[in-house]
Amino acid sequence: MSKILIIDDHPDIRRLVRLTLEFEDHQIMEAVDGRIGLEAARQWKPDIVLLDVMMPGMDGLETCRRLKAEPALAHTRVVLLTARGSSADRSAGLAAGADEYVVKPFSPLTLLQLVDQLGVSA
């Protein structure tokens, strides 16, 4: 069973992602912002982090950079889930260390396929 951490300040998005992934028997943890998410990742060591970009406090880009900078978490796959869809935003996300960049709204099926492609399927 793979471990997936959802970091998003919107409860509806966290709920949608959780419900989507629970059908595939993933173990899910949630965090409401980047600081809490980073601490949860340090303690829980997820296989993948699904990370919003625009959040209060520490945004998703900074959270991603910090995750990837920690040796114990550097292998963790990070998928940015964001409403920002310009090529400059995508470039910034990938430069921060994200493995994938998904623009909201997204299809739950697309999310499941992406999780499978990243090798963290149940």
C-alpha atoms as a PDB file:
ATOM      1  CA  MET A   1       0.000   0.000   0.000  1.00  0.00           C
ATOM      2  CA  SER A   2       1.473   3.341  -0.992  1.00  0.00           C
ATOM      3  CA  LYS A   3       1.480   6.402   1.236  1.00  0.00           C
ATOM      4  CA  ILE A   4       0.229   9.652  -0.269  1.00  0.00           C
ATOM      5  CA  LEU A   5       0.277  13.055   1.427  1.00  0.00           C
ATOM      6  CA  ILE A   6      -2.203  15.671   0.190  1.00  0.00           C
ATOM      7  CA  ILE A   7      -1.206  19.259   0.975  1.00  0.00           C
ATOM      8  CA  ASP A   8      -3.924  21.743   0.023  1.00  0.00           C
ATOM      9  CA  ASP A   9      -5.639  24.564   1.894  1.00  0.00           C
ATOM     10  CA  HIS A  10      -9.023  23.813   0.290  1.00  0.00           C
ATOM     11  CA  PRO A  11     -10.935  21.058   2.122  1.00  0.00           C
ATOM     12  CA  ASP A  12     -13.051  20.241  -0.952  1.00  0.00           C
ATOM     13  CA  ILE A  13      -9.943  19.511  -3.041  1.00  0.00           C
ATOM     14  CA  ARG A  14      -8.435  17.366  -0.279  1.00  0.00           C
ATOM     15  CA  ARG A  15     -11.722  15.453  -0.023  1.00  0.00           C
ATOM     16  CA  LEU A  16     -11.944  14.880  -3.805  1.00  0.00           C
ATOM     17  CA  VAL A  17      -8.361  13.634  -3.965  1.00  0.00           C
ATOM     18  CA  ARG A  18      -8.791  11.445  -0.877  1.00  0.00           C
ATOM     19  CA  LEU A  19     -11.974   9.829  -2.213  1.00  0.00           C
ATOM     20  CA  THR A  20     -10.353   9.246  -5.593  1.00  0.00           C
ATOM     21  CA  LEU A  21      -7.269   7.568  -4.160  1.00  0.00           C
ATOM     22  CA  GLU A  22      -9.007   5.550  -1.467  1.00  0.00           C
ATOM     23  CA  PHE A  23     -10.748   3.536  -4.194  1.00  0.00           C
ATOM     24  CA  GLU A  24      -7.282   2.221  -5.060  1.00  0.00           C
ATOM     25  CA  ASP A  25      -6.471   1.327  -1.444  1.00  0.00           C
ATOM     26  CA  HIS A  26      -3.820   3.994  -0.858  1.00  0.00           C
ATOM     27  CA  GLN A  27      -2.928   5.164   2.619  1.00  0.00           C
ATOM     28  CA  ILE A  28      -3.740   8.903   2.753  1.00  0.00           C
ATOM     29  CA  MET A  29      -2.662  11.728   5.036  1.00  0.00           C
ATOM     30  CA  GLU A  30      -3.713  15.365   4.690  1.00  0.00           C
ATOM     31  CA  ALA A  31      -2.194  18.720   5.592  1.00  0.00           C
ATOM     32  CA  VAL A  32      -3.740  22.190   5.312  1.00  0.00           C
ATOM     33  CA  ASP A  33      -0.602  24.158   4.436  1.00  0.00           C
ATOM     34  CA  GLY A  34       3.036  23.888   3.464  1.00  0.00           C
ATOM     35  CA  ARG A  35       4.545  24.079   6.949  1.00  0.00           C
ATOM     36  CA  ILE A  36       2.259  21.397   8.371  1.00  0.00           C
ATOM     37  CA  GLY A  37       2.731  19.327   5.220  1.00  0.00           C
ATOM     38  CA  LEU A  38       6.505  19.499   5.400  1.00  0.00           C
ATOM     39  CA  GLU A  39       6.466  18.357   9.026  1.00  0.00           C
ATOM     40  CA  ALA A  40       4.027  15.547   8.167  1.00  0.00           C
ATOM     41  CA  ALA A  41       6.309  14.426   5.324  1.00  0.00           C
ATOM     42  CA  ARG A  42       9.310  14.368   7.652  1.00  0.00           C
ATOM     43  CA  GLN A  43       7.491  12.147  10.119  1.00  0.00           C
ATOM     44  CA  TRP A  44       5.448   9.963   7.759  1.00  0.00           C
ATOM     45  CA  LYS A  45       7.820   9.576   4.753  1.00  0.00           C
ATOM     46  CA  PRO A  46       5.168   9.412   1.993  1.00  0.00           C
ATOM     47  CA  ASP A  47       5.789   7.855  -1.400  1.00  0.00           C
ATOM     48  CA  ILE A  48       4.139  10.799  -3.144  1.00  0.00           C
ATOM     49  CA  VAL A  49       3.025  14.305  -2.231  1.00  0.00           C
ATOM     50  CA  LEU A  50       0.115  15.963  -4.027  1.00  0.00           C
ATOM     51  CA  LEU A  51       0.792  19.638  -3.432  1.00  0.00           C
ATOM     52  CA  ASP A  52      -1.174  22.822  -4.082  1.00  0.00           C
ATOM     53  CA  VAL A  53       0.889  25.824  -5.221  1.00  0.00           C
ATOM     54  CA  MET A  54      -1.160  28.740  -3.907  1.00  0.00           C
ATOM     55  CA  MET A  55      -1.460  28.411  -0.134  1.00  0.00           C
ATOM     56  CA  PRO A  56      -1.141  30.863   2.752  1.00  0.00           C
ATOM     57  CA  GLY A  57       2.165  30.900   4.582  1.00  0.00           C
ATOM     58  CA  MET A  58       4.639  28.624   2.821  1.00  0.00           C
ATOM     59  CA  ASP A  59       3.466  28.156  -0.764  1.00  0.00           C
ATOM     60  CA  GLY A  60       3.732  24.915  -2.702  1.00  0.00           C
ATOM     61  CA  LEU A  61       6.861  25.900  -4.617  1.00  0.00           C
ATOM     62  CA  GLU A  62       8.794  26.565  -1.405  1.00  0.00           C
ATOM     63  CA  THR A  63       7.373  23.415   0.170  1.00  0.00           C
ATOM     64  CA  CYS A  64       8.502  21.407  -2.863  1.00  0.00           C
ATOM     65  CA  ARG A  65      12.014  22.892  -2.753  1.00  0.00           C
ATOM     66  CA  ARG A  66      12.345  22.067   0.940  1.00  0.00           C
ATOM     67  CA  LEU A  67      11.035  18.526   0.490  1.00  0.00           C
ATOM     68  CA  LYS A  68      13.467  17.802  -2.333  1.00  0.00           C
ATOM     69  CA  ALA A  69      16.363  19.359  -0.396  1.00  0.00           C
ATOM     70  CA  GLU A  70      16.041  16.905   2.496  1.00  0.00           C
ATOM     71  CA  PRO A  71      18.002  13.695   1.871  1.00  0.00           C
ATOM     72  CA  ALA A  72      15.362  11.525   3.585  1.00  0.00           C
ATOM     73  CA  LEU A  73      12.632  12.974   1.325  1.00  0.00           C
ATOM     74  CA  ALA A  74      14.505  13.656  -1.911  1.00  0.00           C
ATOM     75  CA  HIS A  75      13.144  10.425  -3.479  1.00  0.00           C
ATOM     76  CA  THR A  76       9.536  11.440  -2.713  1.00  0.00           C
ATOM     77  CA  ARG A  77       7.526  12.094  -5.877  1.00  0.00           C
ATOM     78  CA  VAL A  78       5.893  15.541  -5.874  1.00  0.00           C
ATOM     79  CA  VAL A  79       2.907  16.395  -8.049  1.00  0.00           C
ATOM     80  CA  LEU A  80       1.833  20.018  -8.073  1.00  0.00           C
ATOM     81  CA  LEU A  81      -1.954  20.383  -8.328  1.00  0.00           C
ATOM     82  CA  THR A  82      -2.681  24.006  -9.138  1.00  0.00           C
ATOM     83  CA  ALA A  83      -5.001  26.467 -10.834  1.00  0.00           C
ATOM     84  CA  ARG A  84      -1.957  28.198 -12.345  1.00  0.00           C
ATOM     85  CA  GLY A  85      -1.623  26.872 -15.876  1.00  0.00           C
ATOM     86  CA  SER A  86       0.740  29.172 -17.760  1.00  0.00           C
ATOM     87  CA  SER A  87       3.979  27.851 -19.190  1.00  0.00           C
ATOM     88  CA  ALA A  88       5.912  30.150 -16.823  1.00  0.00           C
ATOM     89  CA  ASP A  89       4.058  28.670 -13.837  1.00  0.00           C
ATOM     90  CA  ARG A  90       4.734  25.140 -15.082  1.00  0.00           C
ATOM     91  CA  SER A  91       8.430  25.961 -15.545  1.00  0.00           C
ATOM     92  CA  ALA A  92       8.619  27.408 -12.036  1.00  0.00           C
ATOM     93  CA  GLY A  93       7.018  24.276 -10.608  1.00  0.00           C
ATOM     94  CA  LEU A  94       9.382  21.923 -12.368  1.00  0.00           C
ATOM     95  CA  ALA A  95      12.348  24.128 -11.426  1.00  0.00           C
ATOM     96  CA  ALA A  96      11.260  23.834  -7.780  1.00  0.00           C
ATOM     97  CA  GLY A  97      11.674  20.058  -8.120  1.00  0.00           C
ATOM     98  CA  ALA A  98       8.174  18.834  -8.927  1.00  0.00           C
ATOM     99  CA  ASP A  99       7.974  15.546 -10.799  1.00  0.00           C
ATOM    100  CA  GLU A 100       4.630  16.420 -12.410  1.00  0.00           C
ATOM    101  CA  TYR A 101       2.435  19.494 -12.832  1.00  0.00           C
ATOM    102  CA  VAL A 102      -1.371  19.123 -13.032  1.00  0.00           C
ATOM    103  CA  VAL A 103      -3.725  22.042 -13.635  1.00  0.00           C
ATOM    104  CA  LYS A 104      -7.021  22.260 -11.732  1.00  0.00           C
ATOM    105  CA  PRO A 105      -9.695  21.311 -12.458  1.00  0.00           C
ATOM    106  CA  PHE A 106      -8.428  17.820 -13.173  1.00  0.00           C
ATOM    107  CA  SER A 107     -10.158  14.529 -13.823  1.00  0.00           C
ATOM    108  CA  PRO A 108     -10.027  11.990 -10.985  1.00  0.00           C
ATOM    109  CA  LEU A 109      -9.232   9.332 -13.605  1.00  0.00           C
ATOM    110  CA  THR A 110      -6.278  11.408 -14.813  1.00  0.00           C
ATOM    111  CA  LEU A 111      -5.014  11.637 -11.238  1.00  0.00           C
ATOM    112  CA  LEU A 112      -5.257   7.863 -10.774  1.00  0.00           C
ATOM    113  CA  GLN A 113      -3.387   7.269 -14.032  1.00  0.00           C
ATOM    114  CA  LEU A 114      -0.664   9.712 -12.987  1.00  0.00           C
ATOM    115  CA  VAL A 115      -0.230   8.023  -9.615  1.00  0.00           C
ATOM    116  CA  ASP A 116       0.097   4.689 -11.429  1.00  0.00           C
ATOM    117  CA  GLN A 117       2.681   6.149 -13.854  1.00  0.00           C
ATOM    118  CA  LEU A 118       4.751   7.397 -10.931  1.00  0.00           C
ATOM    119  CA  GLY A 119       4.968   3.859  -9.659  1.00  0.00           C
ATOM    120  CA  VAL A 120       3.070   4.270  -6.436  1.00  0.00           C
ATOM    121  CA  SER A 121      -0.033   2.271  -7.287  1.00  0.00           C
ATOM    122  CA  ALA A 122      -1.444  -0.082  -4.699  1.00  0.00           C
END
